[in-house]
Amino acid sequence: MTRVKVDGILQKIRSPINKANVDEVVNRIKIMARLDISERRAPQDGRLTLPVDQGGKLYEVPFRISITPARPARTSCCASSTSRWRRSI
């Protein structure tokens, strides 16, 4: 399930991520945040920056990444960004 919190309101959204490829998506996020992809039992925190095009201008958006183990064979991945992200590239 994919949930997004915007301005303090949690919303469920339709996700292009299938249950079959959740592990691949989480591993890709771990690689981008320079986390250990082999670690599955301990929580991990990291950071990454993504370029976002908004109105023809590129901005760097920093994200804090939190990976926590949940139920067996499940992983929770949380990405959060602050409101002070507008840094032009």
PDB file of N, CA and C in Angstrom:
ATOM      1  N   MET A   1       0.843  -1.163   0.000  1.00  0.00           N
ATOM      2  CA  MET A   1       0.000   0.000   0.000  1.00  0.00           C
ATOM      3  C   MET A   1       0.894   1.233   0.000  1.00  0.00           C
ATOM      4  N   THR A   2       0.508   2.229  -0.754  1.00  0.00           N
ATOM      5  CA  THR A   2       1.255   3.470  -0.797  1.00  0.00           C
ATOM      6  C   THR A   2       0.398   4.562  -0.180  1.00  0.00           C
ATOM      7  N   ARG A   3       0.983   5.232   0.796  1.00  0.00           N
ATOM      8  CA  ARG A   3       0.300   6.338   1.456  1.00  0.00           C
ATOM      9  C   ARG A   3       1.170   7.580   1.375  1.00  0.00           C
ATOM     10  N   VAL A   4       0.535   8.716   1.169  1.00  0.00           N
ATOM     11  CA  VAL A   4       1.229   9.990   1.041  1.00  0.00           C
ATOM     12  C   VAL A   4       0.604  10.967   2.013  1.00  0.00           C
ATOM     13  N   LYS A   5       1.454  11.661   2.756  1.00  0.00           N
ATOM     14  CA  LYS A   5       0.956  12.697   3.660  1.00  0.00           C
ATOM     15  C   LYS A   5       1.308  14.057   3.062  1.00  0.00           C
ATOM     16  N   VAL A   6       0.284  14.832   2.748  1.00  0.00           N
ATOM     17  CA  VAL A   6       0.470  16.165   2.185  1.00  0.00           C
ATOM     18  C   VAL A   6      -0.196  17.162   3.122  1.00  0.00           C
ATOM     19  N   ASP A   7       0.577  18.113   3.600  1.00  0.00           N
ATOM     20  CA  ASP A   7       0.083  19.132   4.531  1.00  0.00           C
ATOM     21  C   ASP A   7      -0.609  18.512   5.741  1.00  0.00           C
ATOM     22  N   GLY A   8      -0.048  17.412   6.235  1.00  0.00           N
ATOM     23  CA  GLY A   8      -0.563  16.784   7.441  1.00  0.00           C
ATOM     24  C   GLY A   8      -1.731  15.841   7.247  1.00  0.00           C
ATOM     25  N   ILE A   9      -2.182  15.645   6.013  1.00  0.00           N
ATOM     26  CA  ILE A   9      -3.318  14.757   5.740  1.00  0.00           C
ATOM     27  C   ILE A   9      -2.809  13.512   5.023  1.00  0.00           C
ATOM     28  N   LEU A  10      -3.031  12.342   5.638  1.00  0.00           N
ATOM     29  CA  LEU A  10      -2.591  11.076   5.077  1.00  0.00           C
ATOM     30  C   LEU A  10      -3.608  10.579   4.056  1.00  0.00           C
ATOM     31  N   GLN A  11      -3.111  10.270   2.843  1.00  0.00           N
ATOM     32  CA  GLN A  11      -3.976   9.829   1.764  1.00  0.00           C
ATOM     33  C   GLN A  11      -3.436   8.537   1.170  1.00  0.00           C
ATOM     34  N   LYS A  12      -4.325   7.610   0.851  1.00  0.00           N
ATOM     35  CA  LYS A  12      -3.941   6.406   0.123  1.00  0.00           C
ATOM     36  C   LYS A  12      -4.003   6.739  -1.360  1.00  0.00           C
ATOM     37  N   ILE A  13      -2.995   6.294  -2.103  1.00  0.00           N
ATOM     38  CA  ILE A  13      -2.976   6.575  -3.535  1.00  0.00           C
ATOM     39  C   ILE A  13      -2.809   5.273  -4.306  1.00  0.00           C
ATOM     40  N   ARG A  14      -3.241   5.298  -5.551  1.00  0.00           N
ATOM     41  CA  ARG A  14      -3.004   4.166  -6.431  1.00  0.00           C
ATOM     42  C   ARG A  14      -1.528   4.200  -6.789  1.00  0.00           C
ATOM     43  N   SER A  15      -0.907   3.067  -6.701  1.00  0.00           N
ATOM     44  CA  SER A  15       0.532   3.006  -6.875  1.00  0.00           C
ATOM     45  C   SER A  15       0.905   2.151  -8.072  1.00  0.00           C
ATOM     46  N   PRO A  16       1.906   2.587  -8.845  1.00  0.00           N
ATOM     47  CA  PRO A  16       2.390   1.742  -9.934  1.00  0.00           C
ATOM     48  C   PRO A  16       3.300   0.630  -9.430  1.00  0.00           C
ATOM     49  N   ILE A  17       3.527   0.586  -8.108  1.00  0.00           N
ATOM     50  CA  ILE A  17       4.388  -0.441  -7.523  1.00  0.00           C
ATOM     51  C   ILE A  17       3.548  -1.674  -7.208  1.00  0.00           C
ATOM     52  N   ASN A  18       3.878  -2.786  -7.825  1.00  0.00           N
ATOM     53  CA  ASN A  18       3.182  -4.047  -7.559  1.00  0.00           C
ATOM     54  C   ASN A  18       3.787  -4.706  -6.333  1.00  0.00           C
ATOM     55  N   LYS A  19       3.022  -5.584  -5.698  1.00  0.00           N
ATOM     56  CA  LYS A  19       3.537  -6.318  -4.543  1.00  0.00           C
ATOM     57  C   LYS A  19       4.742  -7.164  -4.927  1.00  0.00           C
ATOM     58  N   ALA A  20       4.781  -7.602  -6.170  1.00  0.00           N
ATOM     59  CA  ALA A  20       5.869  -8.470  -6.617  1.00  0.00           C
ATOM     60  C   ALA A  20       7.204  -7.739  -6.701  1.00  0.00           C
ATOM     61  N   ASN A  21       7.189  -6.423  -6.943  1.00  0.00           N
ATOM     62  CA  ASN A  21       8.458  -5.713  -7.102  1.00  0.00           C
ATOM     63  C   ASN A  21       8.731  -4.684  -6.004  1.00  0.00           C
ATOM     64  N   VAL A  22       8.110  -4.831  -4.860  1.00  0.00           N
ATOM     65  CA  VAL A  22       8.348  -3.907  -3.745  1.00  0.00           C
ATOM     66  C   VAL A  22       9.797  -3.985  -3.280  1.00  0.00           C
ATOM     67  N   ASP A  23      10.346  -5.198  -3.186  1.00  0.00           N
ATOM     68  CA  ASP A  23      11.735  -5.350  -2.740  1.00  0.00           C
ATOM     69  C   ASP A  23      12.709  -4.648  -3.678  1.00  0.00           C
ATOM     70  N   GLU A  24      12.469  -4.719  -4.976  1.00  0.00           N
ATOM     71  CA  GLU A  24      13.347  -4.047  -5.928  1.00  0.00           C
ATOM     72  C   GLU A  24      13.286  -2.535  -5.763  1.00  0.00           C
ATOM     73  N   VAL A  25      12.091  -1.999  -5.529  1.00  0.00           N
ATOM     74  CA  VAL A  25      11.938  -0.558  -5.345  1.00  0.00           C
ATOM     75  C   VAL A  25      12.630  -0.116  -4.053  1.00  0.00           C
ATOM     76  N   VAL A  26      12.449  -0.867  -2.981  1.00  0.00           N
ATOM     77  CA  VAL A  26      13.101  -0.521  -1.709  1.00  0.00           C
ATOM     78  C   VAL A  26      14.615  -0.603  -1.848  1.00  0.00           C
ATOM     79  N   ASN A  27      15.118  -1.630  -2.552  1.00  0.00           N
ATOM     80  CA  ASN A  27      16.560  -1.725  -2.771  1.00  0.00           C
ATOM     81  C   ASN A  27      17.090  -0.567  -3.590  1.00  0.00           C
ATOM     82  N   ARG A  28      16.339  -0.124  -4.575  1.00  0.00           N
ATOM     83  CA  ARG A  28      16.776   1.030  -5.389  1.00  0.00           C
ATOM     84  C   ARG A  28      16.835   2.289  -4.535  1.00  0.00           C
ATOM     85  N   ILE A  29      15.849   2.479  -3.671  1.00  0.00           N
ATOM     86  CA  ILE A  29      15.862   3.633  -2.768  1.00  0.00           C
ATOM     87  C   ILE A  29      17.054   3.542  -1.819  1.00  0.00           C
ATOM     88  N   LYS A  30      17.342   2.334  -1.319  1.00  0.00           N
ATOM     89  CA  LYS A  30      18.507   2.146  -0.444  1.00  0.00           C
ATOM     90  C   LYS A  30      19.802   2.501  -1.163  1.00  0.00           C
ATOM     91  N   ILE A  31      19.931   2.098  -2.414  1.00  0.00           N
ATOM     92  CA  ILE A  31      21.132   2.418  -3.191  1.00  0.00           C
ATOM     93  C   ILE A  31      21.253   3.925  -3.371  1.00  0.00           C
ATOM     94  N   MET A  32      20.164   4.579  -3.723  1.00  0.00           N
ATOM     95  CA  MET A  32      20.204   6.026  -3.931  1.00  0.00           C
ATOM     96  C   MET A  32      20.535   6.782  -2.642  1.00  0.00           C
ATOM     97  N   ALA A  33      20.117   6.235  -1.493  1.00  0.00           N
ATOM     98  CA  ALA A  33      20.393   6.874  -0.202  1.00  0.00           C
ATOM     99  C   ALA A  33      21.687   6.361   0.422  1.00  0.00           C
ATOM    100  N   ARG A  34      22.432   5.542  -0.313  1.00  0.00           N
ATOM    101  CA  ARG A  34      23.707   4.974   0.135  1.00  0.00           C
ATOM    102  C   ARG A  34      23.569   4.178   1.426  1.00  0.00           C
ATOM    103  N   LEU A  35      22.545   3.339   1.459  1.00  0.00           N
ATOM    104  CA  LEU A  35      22.321   2.443   2.589  1.00  0.00           C
ATOM    105  C   LEU A  35      22.749   1.032   2.205  1.00  0.00           C
ATOM    106  N   ASP A  36      22.868   0.161   3.183  1.00  0.00           N
ATOM    107  CA  ASP A  36      23.286  -1.224   2.972  1.00  0.00           C
ATOM    108  C   ASP A  36      22.087  -2.051   2.506  1.00  0.00           C
ATOM    109  N   ILE A  37      22.130  -2.532   1.251  1.00  0.00           N
ATOM    110  CA  ILE A  37      20.986  -3.281   0.720  1.00  0.00           C
ATOM    111  C   ILE A  37      20.901  -4.687   1.292  1.00  0.00           C
ATOM    112  N   SER A  38      21.982  -5.184   1.874  1.00  0.00           N
ATOM    113  CA  SER A  38      21.944  -6.538   2.437  1.00  0.00           C
ATOM    114  C   SER A  38      21.349  -6.555   3.847  1.00  0.00           C
ATOM    115  N   GLU A  39      21.279  -5.414   4.506  1.00  0.00           N
ATOM    116  CA  GLU A  39      20.737  -5.348   5.862  1.00  0.00           C
ATOM    117  C   GLU A  39      19.217  -5.295   5.806  1.00  0.00           C
ATOM    118  N   ARG A  40      18.574  -6.298   6.411  1.00  0.00           N
ATOM    119  CA  ARG A  40      17.113  -6.364   6.387  1.00  0.00           C
ATOM    120  C   ARG A  40      16.500  -6.388   7.777  1.00  0.00           C
ATOM    121  N   ARG A  41      17.314  -6.598   8.812  1.00  0.00           N
ATOM    122  CA  ARG A  41      16.775  -6.733  10.172  1.00  0.00           C
ATOM    123  C   ARG A  41      16.876  -5.458  10.995  1.00  0.00           C
ATOM    124  N   ALA A  42      17.816  -4.606  10.690  1.00  0.00           N
ATOM    125  CA  ALA A  42      18.023  -3.389  11.484  1.00  0.00           C
ATOM    126  C   ALA A  42      17.470  -2.174  10.738  1.00  0.00           C
ATOM    127  N   PRO A  43      16.938  -1.196  11.452  1.00  0.00           N
ATOM    128  CA  PRO A  43      16.477   0.035  10.799  1.00  0.00           C
ATOM    129  C   PRO A  43      17.656   0.821  10.245  1.00  0.00           C
ATOM    130  N   GLN A  44      17.399   1.550   9.166  1.00  0.00           N
ATOM    131  CA  GLN A  44      18.443   2.367   8.537  1.00  0.00           C
ATOM    132  C   GLN A  44      17.861   3.737   8.199  1.00  0.00           C
ATOM    133  N   ASP A  45      18.702   4.756   8.311  1.00  0.00           N
ATOM    134  CA  ASP A  45      18.321   6.118   7.938  1.00  0.00           C
ATOM    135  C   ASP A  45      19.337   6.657   6.947  1.00  0.00           C
ATOM    136  N   GLY A  46      18.861   7.422   5.991  1.00  0.00           N
ATOM    137  CA  GLY A  46      19.752   8.014   5.003  1.00  0.00           C
ATOM    138  C   GLY A  46      19.126   9.245   4.380  1.00  0.00           C
ATOM    139  N   ARG A  47      19.836   9.799   3.430  1.00  0.00           N
ATOM    140  CA  ARG A  47      19.376  10.998   2.714  1.00  0.00           C
ATOM    141  C   ARG A  47      19.649  10.829   1.234  1.00  0.00           C
ATOM    142  N   LEU A  48      18.818  11.468   0.445  1.00  0.00           N
ATOM    143  CA  LEU A  48      19.058  11.532  -0.993  1.00  0.00           C
ATOM    144  C   LEU A  48      18.475  12.826  -1.529  1.00  0.00           C
ATOM    145  N   THR A  49      18.951  13.228  -2.683  1.00  0.00           N
ATOM    146  CA  THR A  49      18.482  14.447  -3.328  1.00  0.00           C
ATOM    147  C   THR A  49      18.045  14.103  -4.742  1.00  0.00           C
ATOM    148  N   LEU A  50      16.846  14.548  -5.109  1.00  0.00           N
ATOM    149  CA  LEU A  50      16.312  14.287  -6.444  1.00  0.00           C
ATOM    150  C   LEU A  50      16.052  15.599  -7.169  1.00  0.00           C
ATOM    151  N   PRO A  51      16.355  15.660  -8.469  1.00  0.00           N
ATOM    152  CA  PRO A  51      16.010  16.847  -9.238  1.00  0.00           C
ATOM    153  C   PRO A  51      14.527  16.827  -9.610  1.00  0.00           C
ATOM    154  N   VAL A  52      13.870  17.973  -9.489  1.00  0.00           N
ATOM    155  CA  VAL A  52      12.453  18.098  -9.820  1.00  0.00           C
ATOM    156  C   VAL A  52      12.294  19.279 -10.762  1.00  0.00           C
ATOM    157  N   ASP A  53      11.574  19.065 -11.865  1.00  0.00           N
ATOM    158  CA  ASP A  53      11.300  20.125 -12.812  1.00  0.00           C
ATOM    159  C   ASP A  53       9.976  20.770 -12.436  1.00  0.00           C
ATOM    160  N   GLN A  54      10.025  22.064 -12.162  1.00  0.00           N
ATOM    161  CA  GLN A  54       8.801  22.767 -11.801  1.00  0.00           C
ATOM    162  C   GLN A  54       8.755  24.077 -12.567  1.00  0.00           C
ATOM    163  N   GLY A  55       7.879  24.119 -13.546  1.00  0.00           N
ATOM    164  CA  GLY A  55       7.739  25.326 -14.351  1.00  0.00           C
ATOM    165  C   GLY A  55       8.953  25.621 -15.209  1.00  0.00           C
ATOM    166  N   GLY A  56       9.629  24.584 -15.691  1.00  0.00           N
ATOM    167  CA  GLY A  56      10.794  24.784 -16.534  1.00  0.00           C
ATOM    168  C   GLY A  56      12.081  25.001 -15.768  1.00  0.00           C
ATOM    169  N   LYS A  57      12.026  25.084 -14.457  1.00  0.00           N
ATOM    170  CA  LYS A  57      13.223  25.234 -13.627  1.00  0.00           C
ATOM    171  C   LYS A  57      13.481  23.947 -12.875  1.00  0.00           C
ATOM    172  N   LEU A  58      14.751  23.604 -12.756  1.00  0.00           N
ATOM    173  CA  LEU A  58      15.133  22.419 -11.998  1.00  0.00           C
ATOM    174  C   LEU A  58      15.481  22.807 -10.568  1.00  0.00           C
ATOM    175  N   TYR A  59      14.955  22.037  -9.636  1.00  0.00           N
ATOM    176  CA  TYR A  59      15.232  22.241  -8.221  1.00  0.00           C
ATOM    177  C   TYR A  59      15.735  20.934  -7.627  1.00  0.00           C
ATOM    178  N   GLU A  60      16.604  21.042  -6.630  1.00  0.00           N
ATOM    179  CA  GLU A  60      17.038  19.878  -5.876  1.00  0.00           C
ATOM    180  C   GLU A  60      16.128  19.722  -4.670  1.00  0.00           C
ATOM    181  N   VAL A  61      15.548  18.544  -4.525  1.00  0.00           N
ATOM    182  CA  VAL A  61      14.658  18.277  -3.401  1.00  0.00           C
ATOM    183  C   VAL A  61      15.332  17.244  -2.504  1.00  0.00           C
ATOM    184  N   PRO A  62      15.724  17.635  -1.271  1.00  0.00           N
ATOM    185  CA  PRO A  62      16.327  16.655  -0.357  1.00  0.00           C
ATOM    186  C   PRO A  62      15.259  15.835   0.347  1.00  0.00           C
ATOM    187  N   PHE A  63      15.522  14.547   0.486  1.00  0.00           N
ATOM    188  CA  PHE A  63      14.626  13.631   1.186  1.00  0.00           C
ATOM    189  C   PHE A  63      15.394  12.939   2.297  1.00  0.00           C
ATOM    190  N   ARG A  64      14.715  12.701   3.403  1.00  0.00           N
ATOM    191  CA  ARG A  64      15.232  11.838   4.461  1.00  0.00           C
ATOM    192  C   ARG A  64      14.554  10.499   4.283  1.00  0.00           C
ATOM    193  N   ILE A  65      15.334   9.427   4.306  1.00  0.00           N
ATOM    194  CA  ILE A  65      14.833   8.084   4.069  1.00  0.00           C
ATOM    195  C   ILE A  65      14.944   7.283   5.359  1.00  0.00           C
ATOM    196  N   SER A  66      13.867   6.598   5.713  1.00  0.00           N
ATOM    197  CA  SER A  66      13.867   5.732   6.882  1.00  0.00           C
ATOM    198  C   SER A  66      13.344   4.358   6.460  1.00  0.00           C
ATOM    199  N   ILE A  67      14.187   3.349   6.627  1.00  0.00           N
ATOM    200  CA  ILE A  67      13.829   1.974   6.300  1.00  0.00           C
ATOM    201  C   ILE A  67      13.724   1.212   7.620  1.00  0.00           C
ATOM    202  N   THR A  68      12.564   0.631   7.876  1.00  0.00           N
ATOM    203  CA  THR A  68      12.392  -0.137   9.111  1.00  0.00           C
ATOM    204  C   THR A  68      11.810  -1.507   8.786  1.00  0.00           C
ATOM    205  N   PRO A  69      12.325  -2.534   9.452  1.00  0.00           N
ATOM    206  CA  PRO A  69      11.741  -3.859   9.249  1.00  0.00           C
ATOM    207  C   PRO A  69      10.371  -3.915   9.910  1.00  0.00           C
ATOM    208  N   ALA A  70       9.451  -4.553   9.250  1.00  0.00           N
ATOM    209  CA  ALA A  70       8.094  -4.695   9.789  1.00  0.00           C
ATOM    210  C   ALA A  70       7.854  -6.179  10.046  1.00  0.00           C
ATOM    211  N   ARG A  71       6.732  -6.663   9.599  1.00  0.00           N
ATOM    212  CA  ARG A  71       6.440  -8.095   9.740  1.00  0.00           C
ATOM    213  C   ARG A  71       7.458  -8.912   8.945  1.00  0.00           C
ATOM    214  N   PRO A  72       7.508 -10.222   9.169  1.00  0.00           N
ATOM    215  CA  PRO A  72       8.433 -11.041   8.377  1.00  0.00           C
ATOM    216  C   PRO A  72       8.206 -10.851   6.875  1.00  0.00           C
ATOM    217  N   ALA A  73       9.304 -10.688   6.171  1.00  0.00           N
ATOM    218  CA  ALA A  73       9.300 -10.493   4.712  1.00  0.00           C
ATOM    219  C   ALA A  73       8.639  -9.185   4.303  1.00  0.00           C
ATOM    220  N   ARG A  74       8.553  -8.220   5.200  1.00  0.00           N
ATOM    221  CA  ARG A  74       7.993  -6.905   4.888  1.00  0.00           C
ATOM    222  C   ARG A  74       8.985  -5.833   5.294  1.00  0.00           C
ATOM    223  N   THR A  75       8.956  -4.736   4.594  1.00  0.00           N
ATOM    224  CA  THR A  75       9.802  -3.597   4.915  1.00  0.00           C
ATOM    225  C   THR A  75       8.985  -2.332   4.786  1.00  0.00           C
ATOM    226  N   SER A  76       9.185  -1.412   5.707  1.00  0.00           N
ATOM    227  CA  SER A  76       8.528  -0.118   5.637  1.00  0.00           C
ATOM    228  C   SER A  76       9.551   0.911   5.189  1.00  0.00           C
ATOM    229  N   CYS A  77       9.199   1.672   4.173  1.00  0.00           N
ATOM    230  CA  CYS A  77      10.088   2.697   3.638  1.00  0.00           C
ATOM    231  C   CYS A  77       9.370   4.036   3.724  1.00  0.00           C
ATOM    232  N   CYS A  78      10.006   5.002   4.376  1.00  0.00           N
ATOM    233  CA  CYS A  78       9.410   6.326   4.533  1.00  0.00           C
ATOM    234  C   CYS A  78      10.363   7.360   3.955  1.00  0.00           C
ATOM    235  N   ALA A  79       9.860   8.196   3.054  1.00  0.00           N
ATOM    236  CA  ALA A  79      10.645   9.296   2.486  1.00  0.00           C
ATOM    237  C   ALA A  79       9.943  10.591   2.861  1.00  0.00           C
ATOM    238  N   SER A  80      10.689  11.517   3.447  1.00  0.00           N
ATOM    239  CA  SER A  80      10.073  12.792   3.836  1.00  0.00           C
ATOM    240  C   SER A  80      10.921  13.952   3.343  1.00  0.00           C
ATOM    241  N   SER A  81      10.234  15.017   2.997  1.00  0.00           N
ATOM    242  CA  SER A  81      10.891  16.231   2.535  1.00  0.00           C
ATOM    243  C   SER A  81      10.343  17.406   3.327  1.00  0.00           C
ATOM    244  N   THR A  82      11.187  18.356   3.615  1.00  0.00           N
ATOM    245  CA  THR A  82      10.740  19.539   4.337  1.00  0.00           C
ATOM    246  C   THR A  82      10.190  20.561   3.350  1.00  0.00           C
ATOM    247  N   SER A  83       9.574  21.592   3.860  1.00  0.00           N
ATOM    248  CA  SER A  83       9.021  22.618   2.982  1.00  0.00           C
ATOM    249  C   SER A  83      10.107  23.550   2.444  1.00  0.00           C
ATOM    250  N   ARG A  84      11.310  23.488   3.016  1.00  0.00           N
ATOM    251  CA  ARG A  84      12.398  24.363   2.566  1.00  0.00           C
ATOM    252  C   ARG A  84      13.292  23.634   1.576  1.00  0.00           C
ATOM    253  N   TRP A  85      12.749  23.254   0.455  1.00  0.00           N
ATOM    254  CA  TRP A  85      13.502  22.451  -0.494  1.00  0.00           C
ATOM    255  C   TRP A  85      13.875  23.207  -1.748  1.00  0.00           C
ATOM    256  N   ARG A  86      13.454  24.427  -1.941  1.00  0.00           N
ATOM    257  CA  ARG A  86      13.684  25.103  -3.210  1.00  0.00           C
ATOM    258  C   ARG A  86      15.101  25.630  -3.327  1.00  0.00           C
ATOM    259  N   ARG A  87      15.942  24.819  -3.913  1.00  0.00           N
ATOM    260  CA  ARG A  87      17.294  25.235  -4.230  1.00  0.00           C
ATOM    261  C   ARG A  87      17.502  25.009  -5.722  1.00  0.00           C
ATOM    262  N   SER A  88      17.676  26.068  -6.444  1.00  0.00           N
ATOM    263  CA  SER A  88      17.769  25.980  -7.898  1.00  0.00           C
ATOM    264  C   SER A  88      19.067  25.293  -8.311  1.00  0.00           C
ATOM    265  N   ILE A  89      18.975  24.525  -9.372  1.00  0.00           N
ATOM    266  CA  ILE A  89      20.167  23.856  -9.921  1.00  0.00           C
ATOM    267  C   ILE A  89      20.761  24.718 -11.013  1.00  0.00           C
TER     268      ILE A  89
END
